Amino acid sequence: MSEFESQSLGHSPLPGFAGLLTLSMPSVNFWYSSTFWLYLFIGLWVHRYLRLLVHCVSHWTYKSKPIPSKPTFTSKDVTVVIPTIHNAFEELRPSLESILACEPAELILVTTHDKRKDLQRLADSLVFPKVRVLDTPIANKRLQVCEALPKVETPITIMADDDVTWPSTLMPWILAPFEDPQIGGVGTCQRVRREHDGSWSTKAWNWLGAAYIERRNFEISATHNIDGGTSCMSGRTGAYRSEILSSHDFLHGFKNEKWRKWILNADDDNFVTRWLVSHQWKTWIQYEKECEIETTLENSTKFLYQCSRWARSNWRSNWTSMVTERYIWKQQLWCTYALHFATFTSLAFVVDPLLLASCWWGTADWDIQNRRYAFWTQFVFMFAFTKTVKLMGLFIRNPSDVMFLPVSVIFGYFHGLVKLYALVTLNMTSWGSRADGDANDEQRLAPAPQPSIVLKTPPGKGSLIRYNARQKGRLPQAQKVAWEKSDYAAYDSSTSHHQKKDGSADTDGRPCKRLVGQKFLLLLRDDEDAFPVDGR
């Protein structure tokens, strides 16, 4: 056998791509070595705790926007919109009175047809000059909000839940960030109303809700201080420029957001947040006692329904932000890593044991004493620091809450299972936690209708044109122009008028003809302006 043949049979590395692959692939022994486990520990540690350490510094150095000496906006420039489907409206009185004590220009309450009279009686009994009550056919927050937004006449709109309590000092603080013309939305600091009476289990559930809100305050203040981002501006209380919320494009998108092939009418606050990002509006959080609202969460096992609903919203909205819309990748890179991406990786019941195991196996080459030091240092850091640092505000205000810390740790691991359950039930939109919340749940995730295909006859003697609700402005004057369109004219069904069974539409008393798969010709006379394509 020649020397060349001997080398070819195994005494030289494999040629080409196969050789490179062999050289780059770790040996089998590597996957069982302490080196692999040490690398795994370092990677997991950095991914899990880098954002926490950065957020600690960012949160502790966060500053709210100060109240200007000569504010551009006052409470008289604010309309408050509250959708409600409460079964006992009298229970809303304390919340509404706290809001009216802030003296907004107007309060608009929106409920369903069958509850309007009861809500109107409550509104009439409130000592406030401008309280308006509107209604919608079904219980649906997005539709109820859309009923009110076009009727707002002030430059600032605050959308709030029906169970929040405001401090009398809220208005100047929540309006202060709007001195920056690029600010489109402002959120507030939140607290949960504590239950000091009742059974131990009631107090424990109440504390879990308080801890959830406390962590949320920590996260959104930290990320806003870094890149101005957040995964969701809370719908409990949020102030927005009315020009944003009352625009046709916003209202259309708000009522017709899609999740896969369905119209999604849940996750309203997530949609508003993403809309602000996609349209380059900034947001801010006022983290001050004077701007701290109080809210209520469930104090029983119904809290699990709320957690699963929030988890579904996070899965849906963060996927939309990262994969479908993708604006956050350029505008909020840190927030993308720290909040959006974390939704897909933060399963504590998987990561925490893996961190401890990799720490122990990764230090197998160390002497036993140093190995134990490393393990117990990680253990103490994990449970004494990372599980408590976001809750320091709770412990400072109520030192006795320390007794609930084991409950918080155990629930944190259980919440990972809740997140997985939410992931496999993304098409569920029910509240589950309130009897009046699911009366029209089937409308929250309804099949998206096929676009209607119509031509609208304009008023007077004008000619037919294509009606395009998404386009703004007027067409230029025509000079004997003929416009030929192949196939058909598309029209958004969400903005169409009621369509009759015979295929025509009832629009201003004039019939609309359906054209499917046909060609048509549009002629405009010399002396006529084109009919406005936005329909106004």
Protein backbone atom coordinates (compact mmCIF):
# COMPACT_ATOMS: atom_id res chain seq x y z
CA MET A 1 0.00 0.00 0.00
CA SER A 2 1.38 3.42 -0.94
CA GLU A 3 2.01 6.21 1.53
CA PHE A 4 -0.70 8.33 -0.11
CA GLU A 5 -3.27 5.53 0.20
CA SER A 6 -2.32 5.02 3.84
CA GLN A 7 -2.95 8.68 4.60
CA SER A 8 -6.22 8.58 2.71
CA LEU A 9 -7.49 5.66 4.80
CA GLY A 10 -7.37 7.49 8.10
CA HIS A 11 -4.02 9.07 8.83
CA SER A 12 -5.12 12.50 7.59
CA PRO A 13 -8.20 14.65 8.35
CA LEU A 14 -11.28 14.33 6.18
CA PRO A 15 -11.16 16.68 3.20
CA GLY A 16 -13.56 19.54 2.47
CA PHE A 17 -16.73 20.38 4.38
CA ALA A 18 -16.82 17.05 6.22
CA GLY A 19 -13.40 17.75 7.64
CA LEU A 20 -14.34 21.24 8.76
CA LEU A 21 -17.52 19.88 10.37
CA THR A 22 -15.54 17.22 12.22
CA LEU A 23 -13.04 19.76 13.50
CA SER A 24 -15.76 22.21 14.63
CA MET A 25 -17.95 19.62 16.37
CA PRO A 26 -17.13 19.09 20.07
CA SER A 27 -16.34 15.58 21.06
CA VAL A 28 -18.93 13.45 22.80
CA ASN A 29 -16.99 13.74 26.02
CA PHE A 30 -17.38 17.55 25.93
CA TRP A 31 -21.14 17.36 26.53
CA TYR A 32 -20.51 15.47 29.76
CA SER A 33 -17.56 17.57 30.88
CA SER A 34 -17.51 20.20 33.59
CA THR A 35 -16.51 22.75 30.94
CA PHE A 36 -19.82 22.37 29.13
CA TRP A 37 -21.83 22.79 32.34
CA LEU A 38 -19.77 25.81 33.34
CA TYR A 39 -20.43 27.45 29.95
CA LEU A 40 -24.12 26.63 30.29
CA PHE A 41 -24.24 28.17 33.77
CA ILE A 42 -22.54 31.36 32.61
CA GLY A 43 -24.87 31.67 29.61
CA LEU A 44 -28.02 31.12 31.67
CA TRP A 45 -26.82 33.43 34.43
CA VAL A 46 -26.05 36.30 32.07
CA HIS A 47 -29.31 35.89 30.15
CA ARG A 48 -31.44 35.68 33.28
CA TYR A 49 -29.76 38.15 35.60
CA LEU A 50 -28.10 40.79 33.41
CA ARG A 51 -31.45 42.46 32.78
CA LEU A 52 -32.35 42.25 36.47
CA LEU A 53 -29.16 43.99 37.60
CA VAL A 54 -29.54 46.67 34.92
CA HIS A 55 -33.19 47.14 35.85
CA CYS A 56 -32.31 47.57 39.52
CA VAL A 57 -30.06 50.51 38.70
CA SER A 58 -32.53 51.93 36.19
CA HIS A 59 -35.52 51.65 38.52
CA TRP A 60 -33.73 53.18 41.49
CA THR A 61 -32.60 56.16 39.37
CA TYR A 62 -35.94 56.68 37.60
CA LYS A 63 -37.41 60.20 37.73
CA SER A 64 -40.91 61.26 36.76
CA LYS A 65 -41.52 64.32 34.62
CA PRO A 66 -41.91 67.37 36.91
CA ILE A 67 -45.03 69.54 36.88
CA PRO A 68 -44.31 72.68 34.78
CA SER A 69 -44.87 76.12 36.25
CA LYS A 70 -47.11 77.03 33.32
CA PRO A 71 -48.67 73.77 32.10
CA THR A 72 -49.97 73.44 28.58
CA PHE A 73 -52.78 71.14 29.71
CA THR A 74 -54.99 71.25 32.78
CA SER A 75 -57.81 69.02 34.02
CA LYS A 76 -60.20 71.03 31.85
CA ASP A 77 -58.43 69.61 28.80
CA VAL A 78 -59.20 66.02 29.82
CA THR A 79 -62.10 63.67 29.08
CA VAL A 80 -62.26 60.42 31.02
CA VAL A 81 -63.70 57.37 29.24
CA ILE A 82 -64.78 54.38 31.33
CA PRO A 83 -66.34 51.27 29.77
CA THR A 84 -68.27 49.21 32.30
CA ILE A 85 -70.47 46.14 32.42
CA HIS A 86 -70.82 46.01 36.18
CA ASN A 87 -73.91 44.33 37.59
CA ALA A 88 -74.21 46.65 40.61
CA PHE A 89 -73.42 50.18 39.49
CA GLU A 90 -73.78 51.64 42.96
CA GLU A 91 -70.53 49.88 43.87
CA LEU A 92 -68.77 52.11 41.34
CA ARG A 93 -69.66 55.30 43.20
CA PRO A 94 -66.44 55.58 45.28
CA SER A 95 -64.27 55.10 42.18
CA LEU A 96 -66.25 57.57 40.08
CA GLU A 97 -66.27 60.16 42.85
CA SER A 98 -62.49 59.91 43.19
CA ILE A 99 -62.14 60.50 39.45
CA LEU A 100 -64.58 63.41 39.44
CA ALA A 101 -62.67 64.96 42.36
CA CYS A 102 -59.85 65.51 39.86
CA GLU A 103 -62.26 67.77 37.89
CA PRO A 104 -61.99 66.52 34.31
CA ALA A 105 -63.88 68.39 31.61
CA GLU A 106 -66.18 65.40 31.06
CA LEU A 107 -66.73 61.83 32.16
CA ILE A 108 -68.13 59.41 29.57
CA LEU A 109 -69.47 56.07 30.79
CA VAL A 110 -70.23 53.34 28.26
CA THR A 111 -72.28 50.25 29.03
CA THR A 112 -74.68 47.93 27.18
CA HIS A 113 -78.24 48.70 26.05
CA ASP A 114 -79.87 46.69 28.80
CA LYS A 115 -77.88 48.39 31.57
CA ARG A 116 -78.01 51.98 30.38
CA LYS A 117 -80.97 53.08 32.52
CA ASP A 118 -79.36 51.83 35.72
CA LEU A 119 -76.08 53.52 34.86
CA GLN A 120 -77.88 56.72 33.92
CA ARG A 121 -79.49 56.84 37.36
CA LEU A 122 -76.06 56.59 38.96
CA ALA A 123 -74.70 59.30 36.64
CA ASP A 124 -77.59 61.64 37.48
CA SER A 125 -76.92 61.22 41.20
CA LEU A 126 -73.27 62.30 40.85
CA VAL A 127 -72.65 65.94 41.74
CA PHE A 128 -70.87 66.82 38.52
CA PRO A 129 -72.10 68.86 35.56
CA LYS A 130 -70.85 66.74 32.66
CA VAL A 131 -71.33 62.99 32.97
CA ARG A 132 -72.48 61.35 29.75
CA VAL A 133 -73.76 57.79 29.41
CA LEU A 134 -73.49 55.87 26.13
CA ASP A 135 -74.26 52.28 25.26
CA THR A 136 -73.44 49.52 22.79
CA PRO A 137 -75.42 46.41 21.77
CA ILE A 138 -73.01 43.96 23.38
CA ALA A 139 -70.52 43.84 26.23
CA ASN A 140 -67.17 44.40 24.53
CA LYS A 141 -64.56 46.83 25.79
CA ARG A 142 -63.17 47.74 22.39
CA LEU A 143 -66.59 48.48 20.95
CA GLN A 144 -67.58 50.42 24.05
CA VAL A 145 -64.44 52.54 23.87
CA CYS A 146 -64.97 53.18 20.16
CA GLU A 147 -68.47 54.42 20.94
CA ALA A 148 -67.02 57.15 23.14
CA LEU A 149 -63.76 58.20 21.46
CA PRO A 150 -65.27 60.05 18.45
CA LYS A 151 -67.33 62.13 20.90
CA VAL A 152 -64.35 63.38 22.90
CA GLU A 153 -63.87 67.14 22.51
CA THR A 154 -60.74 67.68 24.61
CA PRO A 155 -57.07 67.31 23.54
CA ILE A 156 -56.35 64.63 26.16
CA THR A 157 -58.31 61.40 26.76
CA ILE A 158 -57.85 59.24 29.83
CA MET A 159 -59.11 55.67 29.54
CA ALA A 160 -59.71 53.99 32.88
CA ASP A 161 -61.20 50.86 34.41
CA ASP A 162 -64.34 51.11 36.51
CA ASP A 163 -62.69 49.86 39.71
CA VAL A 164 -59.76 52.28 40.05
CA THR A 165 -59.42 54.96 42.71
CA TRP A 166 -57.54 58.13 41.88
CA PRO A 167 -55.71 60.47 44.24
CA SER A 168 -56.88 64.08 44.02
CA THR A 169 -53.36 65.05 42.93
CA LEU A 170 -53.28 62.86 39.81
CA MET A 171 -54.14 65.32 37.04
CA PRO A 172 -51.11 67.66 37.10
CA TRP A 173 -48.73 64.71 37.26
CA ILE A 174 -50.28 62.62 34.51
CA LEU A 175 -50.45 65.66 32.22
CA ALA A 176 -46.88 66.86 32.83
CA PRO A 177 -45.16 64.56 30.27
CA PHE A 178 -47.38 65.94 27.48
CA GLU A 179 -45.24 69.10 27.52
CA ASP A 180 -43.07 67.01 25.20
CA PRO A 181 -44.95 67.06 21.86
CA GLN A 182 -43.60 63.60 21.03
CA ILE A 183 -45.25 61.99 24.08
CA GLY A 184 -48.41 60.19 22.98
CA GLY A 185 -49.30 58.21 26.11
CA VAL A 186 -48.68 58.40 29.85
CA GLY A 187 -49.15 55.66 32.43
CA THR A 188 -49.28 55.75 36.20
CA CYS A 189 -47.89 53.97 39.22
CA GLN A 190 -50.34 51.38 40.58
CA ARG A 191 -51.12 49.68 43.86
CA VAL A 192 -53.55 46.94 44.84
CA ARG A 193 -56.10 47.65 47.54
CA ARG A 194 -54.97 45.54 50.47
CA GLU A 195 -57.25 43.24 52.45
CA HIS A 196 -56.38 43.42 56.13
CA ASP A 197 -59.43 41.44 57.23
CA GLY A 198 -60.52 38.00 56.20
CA SER A 199 -58.96 34.58 56.17
CA TRP A 200 -55.26 33.86 55.69
CA SER A 201 -55.92 32.52 52.19
CA THR A 202 -57.75 35.74 51.24
CA LYS A 203 -54.79 37.78 52.42
CA ALA A 204 -52.38 35.49 50.56
CA TRP A 205 -54.26 35.83 47.26
CA ASN A 206 -54.49 39.58 47.82
CA TRP A 207 -50.75 39.74 48.40
CA LEU A 208 -50.01 37.79 45.22
CA GLY A 209 -51.99 40.41 43.29
CA ALA A 210 -50.14 43.21 45.07
CA ALA A 211 -46.82 41.53 44.25
CA TYR A 212 -47.80 41.21 40.59
CA ILE A 213 -48.52 44.96 40.35
CA GLU A 214 -45.34 45.81 42.30
CA ARG A 215 -43.20 43.82 39.87
CA ARG A 216 -44.94 45.51 36.98
CA ASN A 217 -44.19 48.97 38.41
CA PHE A 218 -40.56 47.93 38.73
CA GLU A 219 -40.24 46.64 35.16
CA ILE A 220 -42.01 49.44 33.27
CA SER A 221 -40.19 52.21 35.14
CA ALA A 222 -36.85 50.49 34.49
CA THR A 223 -37.40 49.97 30.77
CA HIS A 224 -38.79 53.48 30.26
CA ASN A 225 -35.65 54.87 31.86
CA ILE A 226 -33.48 52.93 29.39
CA ASP A 227 -35.17 53.19 25.99
CA GLY A 228 -38.68 54.49 26.69
CA GLY A 229 -40.27 51.12 26.02
CA THR A 230 -42.76 48.79 27.66
CA SER A 231 -44.66 45.71 26.59
CA CYS A 232 -48.02 47.17 27.65
CA MET A 233 -49.38 50.51 28.86
CA SER A 234 -51.91 49.41 31.44
CA GLY A 235 -55.58 49.94 30.66
CA ARG A 236 -56.37 50.56 34.33
CA THR A 237 -55.55 54.25 33.81
CA GLY A 238 -53.74 55.77 30.87
CA ALA A 239 -53.71 59.24 29.30
CA TYR A 240 -53.40 59.72 25.54
CA ARG A 241 -53.57 62.49 23.01
CA SER A 242 -57.10 62.54 21.62
CA GLU A 243 -55.82 63.11 18.09
CA ILE A 244 -54.34 59.59 18.24
CA LEU A 245 -57.38 57.78 19.62
CA SER A 246 -59.99 59.57 17.50
CA SER A 247 -58.24 59.11 14.16
CA HIS A 248 -60.01 56.96 11.60
CA ASP A 249 -57.04 54.66 11.18
CA PHE A 250 -56.77 54.01 14.91
CA LEU A 251 -60.47 53.31 15.35
CA HIS A 252 -60.48 51.01 12.34
CA GLY A 253 -57.47 49.08 13.59
CA PHE A 254 -58.77 49.03 17.16
CA LYS A 255 -62.04 47.41 16.10
CA ASN A 256 -60.52 45.08 13.54
CA GLU A 257 -57.25 43.77 14.95
CA LYS A 258 -56.64 40.21 13.82
CA TRP A 259 -55.11 37.26 15.60
CA ARG A 260 -54.45 34.66 12.91
CA LYS A 261 -57.78 34.45 11.06
CA TRP A 262 -59.96 35.96 13.78
CA ILE A 263 -60.96 39.46 14.80
CA LEU A 264 -59.46 40.00 18.25
CA ASN A 265 -61.46 42.12 20.65
CA ALA A 266 -59.43 41.33 23.76
CA ASP A 267 -55.98 42.78 24.60
CA ASP A 268 -57.10 46.36 23.99
CA ASP A 269 -54.32 47.99 26.04
CA ASN A 270 -51.69 45.95 24.19
CA PHE A 271 -53.03 47.23 20.87
CA VAL A 272 -52.88 50.86 22.03
CA THR A 273 -49.27 50.37 23.16
CA ARG A 274 -48.19 48.83 19.88
CA TRP A 275 -50.02 51.54 17.93
CA LEU A 276 -48.04 54.25 19.70
CA VAL A 277 -44.79 52.43 18.92
CA SER A 278 -45.64 51.83 15.27
CA HIS A 279 -46.52 55.51 14.82
CA GLN A 280 -43.37 56.79 16.56
CA TRP A 281 -45.12 58.21 19.62
CA LYS A 282 -43.22 58.11 22.90
CA THR A 283 -44.69 56.93 26.20
CA TRP A 284 -43.85 57.70 29.81
CA ILE A 285 -44.67 56.48 33.31
CA GLN A 286 -45.24 58.83 36.24
CA TYR A 287 -43.80 56.93 39.20
CA GLU A 288 -44.92 59.24 42.01
CA LYS A 289 -47.11 58.85 45.08
CA GLU A 290 -49.23 61.78 43.84
CA CYS A 291 -49.94 59.85 40.65
CA GLU A 292 -50.52 56.44 42.21
CA ILE A 293 -53.86 54.81 41.47
CA GLU A 294 -55.42 52.03 43.50
CA THR A 295 -57.02 49.02 41.86
CA THR A 296 -58.56 45.70 42.85
CA LEU A 297 -57.71 42.16 41.81
CA GLU A 298 -59.30 38.86 42.75
CA ASN A 299 -58.66 37.60 46.27
CA SER A 300 -59.44 33.96 45.60
CA THR A 301 -58.67 31.21 43.11
CA LYS A 302 -60.24 33.49 40.47
CA PHE A 303 -56.88 35.25 40.47
CA LEU A 304 -55.62 32.30 38.42
CA TYR A 305 -58.13 33.17 35.70
CA GLN A 306 -56.73 36.70 35.63
CA CYS A 307 -53.18 35.36 35.42
CA SER A 308 -54.02 33.08 32.51
CA ARG A 309 -55.80 35.92 30.69
CA TRP A 310 -52.80 38.23 31.16
CA ALA A 311 -50.45 35.46 30.03
CA ARG A 312 -52.43 34.90 26.82
CA SER A 313 -52.33 38.62 26.12
CA ASN A 314 -48.56 38.63 26.60
CA TRP A 315 -48.03 35.66 24.26
CA ARG A 316 -50.24 37.18 21.55
CA SER A 317 -49.04 40.76 21.80
CA ASN A 318 -45.32 40.04 22.21
CA TRP A 319 -45.40 37.68 19.24
CA THR A 320 -47.13 40.39 17.21
CA SER A 321 -44.58 42.99 18.31
CA MET A 322 -41.53 40.82 17.62
CA VAL A 323 -42.57 38.85 14.54
CA THR A 324 -45.48 40.53 12.81
CA GLU A 325 -44.93 44.27 13.26
CA ARG A 326 -41.24 44.35 14.31
CA TYR A 327 -41.09 48.11 15.06
CA ILE A 328 -39.62 47.44 18.50
CA TRP A 329 -36.41 46.00 17.02
CA LYS A 330 -35.33 49.48 15.91
CA GLN A 331 -37.01 51.67 18.51
CA GLN A 332 -36.82 49.67 21.77
CA LEU A 333 -33.96 47.20 21.51
CA TRP A 334 -33.41 46.81 25.26
CA CYS A 335 -37.12 46.42 25.94
CA THR A 336 -37.25 43.79 23.21
CA TYR A 337 -34.63 41.73 25.03
CA ALA A 338 -35.73 42.42 28.59
CA LEU A 339 -39.53 42.18 28.27
CA HIS A 340 -40.72 40.82 24.94
CA PHE A 341 -38.14 38.09 24.44
CA ALA A 342 -38.31 37.16 28.13
CA THR A 343 -41.88 36.00 27.61
CA PHE A 344 -40.53 33.04 25.66
CA THR A 345 -37.67 32.15 28.01
CA SER A 346 -38.65 32.99 31.60
CA LEU A 347 -39.92 29.68 32.95
CA ALA A 348 -38.55 29.67 36.49
CA PHE A 349 -39.41 26.04 37.21
CA VAL A 350 -37.07 25.05 34.34
CA VAL A 351 -34.33 27.66 34.51
CA ASP A 352 -33.75 27.82 38.29
CA PRO A 353 -33.04 24.09 38.79
CA LEU A 354 -30.90 24.11 35.66
CA LEU A 355 -28.87 27.03 37.03
CA LEU A 356 -28.21 25.24 40.31
CA ALA A 357 -27.38 21.94 38.59
CA SER A 358 -25.03 23.53 36.06
CA CYS A 359 -23.35 25.50 38.86
CA TRP A 360 -22.64 22.27 40.77
CA TRP A 361 -21.57 20.18 37.78
CA GLY A 362 -19.65 23.04 36.19
CA THR A 363 -17.40 23.29 39.24
CA ALA A 364 -16.66 19.57 39.42
CA ASP A 365 -12.94 20.26 38.91
CA TRP A 366 -12.82 22.60 41.91
CA ASP A 367 -11.96 21.47 45.41
CA ILE A 368 -15.03 20.54 47.43
CA GLN A 369 -14.90 23.57 49.73
CA ASN A 370 -14.88 26.14 46.89
CA ARG A 371 -17.46 24.11 45.05
CA ARG A 372 -19.85 24.35 47.99
CA TYR A 373 -19.18 28.07 48.33
CA ALA A 374 -20.10 28.61 44.67
CA PHE A 375 -23.28 26.56 44.92
CA TRP A 376 -24.59 28.20 48.10
CA THR A 377 -23.67 31.65 46.86
CA GLN A 378 -25.82 31.07 43.79
CA PHE A 379 -28.60 29.62 45.97
CA VAL A 380 -28.66 32.64 48.29
CA PHE A 381 -28.41 35.08 45.38
CA MET A 382 -31.33 33.36 43.65
CA PHE A 383 -33.73 33.21 46.59
CA ALA A 384 -32.64 36.07 48.86
CA PHE A 385 -32.04 38.68 46.15
CA THR A 386 -33.65 37.92 42.80
CA LYS A 387 -36.94 36.76 44.36
CA THR A 388 -37.24 39.79 46.63
CA VAL A 389 -35.61 42.85 45.03
CA LYS A 390 -38.65 43.78 42.94
CA LEU A 391 -40.88 43.52 46.01
CA MET A 392 -38.90 45.78 48.33
CA GLY A 393 -41.57 48.47 48.07
CA LEU A 394 -44.15 46.07 49.48
CA PHE A 395 -41.88 44.98 52.33
CA ILE A 396 -41.02 48.57 53.23
CA ARG A 397 -44.67 49.63 53.38
CA ASN A 398 -45.80 46.44 55.13
CA PRO A 399 -42.91 44.60 56.84
CA SER A 400 -45.27 41.81 57.91
CA ASP A 401 -45.61 40.85 54.21
CA VAL A 402 -42.32 38.96 54.55
CA MET A 403 -44.37 35.99 55.77
CA PHE A 404 -45.84 35.70 52.26
CA LEU A 405 -42.43 35.39 50.57
CA PRO A 406 -42.50 31.54 50.45
CA VAL A 407 -45.95 31.79 48.87
CA SER A 408 -44.53 34.14 46.24
CA VAL A 409 -41.64 31.79 45.41
CA ILE A 410 -43.88 28.73 45.11
CA PHE A 411 -46.45 30.63 43.05
CA GLY A 412 -43.66 31.89 40.77
CA TYR A 413 -42.83 28.32 39.82
CA PHE A 414 -46.50 27.43 39.43
CA HIS A 415 -47.02 30.49 37.23
CA GLY A 416 -44.72 28.90 34.67
CA LEU A 417 -47.32 26.18 34.22
CA VAL A 418 -50.00 28.88 33.90
CA LYS A 419 -47.96 30.43 31.08
CA LEU A 420 -47.69 27.11 29.27
CA TYR A 421 -51.43 26.56 29.69
CA ALA A 422 -52.03 30.03 28.26
CA LEU A 423 -49.77 29.22 25.31
CA VAL A 424 -51.87 26.22 24.28
CA THR A 425 -55.16 28.10 24.82
CA LEU A 426 -54.40 31.29 22.91
CA ASN A 427 -57.83 31.25 21.28
CA MET A 428 -59.53 31.63 24.65
CA THR A 429 -60.51 35.21 25.54
CA SER A 430 -62.88 34.71 28.46
CA TRP A 431 -62.47 36.58 31.74
CA GLY A 432 -63.51 33.70 33.95
CA SER A 433 -63.05 35.90 37.03
CA ARG A 434 -66.31 37.87 36.80
CA ALA A 435 -69.80 36.67 36.03
CA ASP A 436 -70.67 39.75 33.95
CA GLY A 437 -67.48 39.62 31.91
CA ASP A 438 -68.27 36.80 29.50
CA ALA A 439 -71.79 37.64 28.35
CA ASN A 440 -70.54 38.18 24.79
CA ASP A 441 -67.23 36.35 24.90
CA GLU A 442 -67.78 34.87 21.43
CA GLN A 443 -67.34 38.40 20.02
CA ARG A 444 -63.82 38.74 21.42
CA LEU A 445 -62.37 36.27 18.91
CA ALA A 446 -64.73 36.19 15.95
CA PRO A 447 -63.97 34.96 12.43
CA ALA A 448 -62.76 37.81 10.27
CA PRO A 449 -65.39 38.71 7.64
CA GLN A 450 -64.53 38.75 3.98
CA PRO A 451 -64.12 42.30 2.62
CA SER A 452 -67.24 43.63 0.97
CA ILE A 453 -66.88 44.60 -2.67
CA VAL A 454 -68.99 47.66 -3.40
CA LEU A 455 -69.26 50.84 -5.37
CA LYS A 456 -70.86 53.83 -3.70
CA THR A 457 -72.98 56.36 -5.51
CA PRO A 458 -72.06 59.82 -4.14
CA PRO A 459 -74.76 62.35 -3.23
CA GLY A 460 -76.09 64.64 -5.93
CA LYS A 461 -75.16 64.23 -9.55
CA GLY A 462 -71.61 63.10 -8.97
CA SER A 463 -70.09 60.13 -10.70
CA LEU A 464 -69.23 56.77 -9.22
CA ILE A 465 -65.77 56.43 -7.70
CA ARG A 466 -63.97 53.78 -5.73
CA TYR A 467 -64.59 54.23 -2.01
CA ASN A 468 -61.34 53.78 -0.13
CA ALA A 469 -61.71 54.32 3.61
CA ARG A 470 -57.99 54.11 4.29
CA GLN A 471 -57.04 56.97 1.94
CA LYS A 472 -57.34 60.56 3.09
CA GLY A 473 -57.92 63.84 1.28
CA ARG A 474 -59.63 64.65 -2.00
CA LEU A 475 -58.83 63.51 -5.49
CA PRO A 476 -57.57 66.25 -7.81
CA GLN A 477 -59.89 67.77 -10.36
CA ALA A 478 -60.37 65.58 -13.37
CA GLN A 479 -59.74 66.74 -16.88
CA LYS A 480 -61.67 64.23 -18.99
CA VAL A 481 -59.94 61.42 -17.13
CA ALA A 482 -61.04 57.85 -17.58
CA TRP A 483 -59.98 55.40 -14.91
CA GLU A 484 -60.16 51.74 -15.71
CA LYS A 485 -59.98 49.17 -12.93
CA SER A 486 -59.65 45.46 -13.55
CA ASP A 487 -61.30 42.84 -11.39
CA TYR A 488 -63.11 44.61 -8.53
CA ALA A 489 -62.99 47.47 -6.03
CA ALA A 490 -62.13 46.44 -2.49
CA TYR A 491 -63.92 47.94 0.46
CA ASP A 492 -63.33 47.28 4.13
CA SER A 493 -66.35 45.58 5.64
CA SER A 494 -65.69 47.17 9.01
CA THR A 495 -66.50 50.62 7.64
CA SER A 496 -69.28 49.58 5.27
CA HIS A 497 -72.92 50.48 5.70
CA HIS A 498 -75.55 47.87 6.44
CA GLN A 499 -75.83 45.54 3.54
CA LYS A 500 -79.15 44.16 2.41
CA LYS A 501 -79.78 40.53 1.68
CA ASP A 502 -80.12 41.24 -2.04
CA GLY A 503 -76.51 42.38 -2.23
CA SER A 504 -77.11 46.12 -2.26
CA ALA A 505 -76.20 48.43 0.60
CA ASP A 506 -78.31 51.00 2.36
CA THR A 507 -76.18 54.16 2.04
CA ASP A 508 -77.88 57.54 2.17
CA GLY A 509 -80.88 56.07 0.43
CA ARG A 510 -78.90 55.33 -2.69
CA PRO A 511 -78.23 51.78 -3.85
CA CYS A 512 -74.75 50.28 -4.04
CA LYS A 513 -74.02 47.71 -6.73
CA ARG A 514 -71.71 44.79 -6.09
CA LEU A 515 -69.11 44.20 -8.79
CA VAL A 516 -67.27 40.92 -8.61
CA GLY A 517 -64.76 39.88 -11.24
CA GLN A 518 -65.91 42.63 -13.62
CA LYS A 519 -64.30 45.61 -15.26
CA PHE A 520 -65.71 49.10 -14.86
CA LEU A 521 -64.96 52.56 -16.16
CA LEU A 522 -65.02 55.77 -14.12
CA LEU A 523 -65.65 59.05 -15.96
CA LEU A 524 -65.44 62.43 -14.25
CA ARG A 525 -66.80 65.57 -15.84
CA ASP A 526 -64.56 68.59 -16.42
CA ASP A 527 -66.38 70.83 -13.95
CA GLU A 528 -66.57 68.42 -11.03
CA ASP A 529 -64.34 67.72 -8.08
CA ALA A 530 -63.91 64.11 -7.25
CA PHE A 531 -65.99 62.87 -4.34
CA PRO A 532 -63.81 62.71 -1.19
CA VAL A 533 -62.46 59.21 -0.88
CA ASP A 534 -62.71 59.22 2.91
CA GLY A 535 -66.48 59.47 2.59
CA ARG A 536 -66.84 62.79 4.39
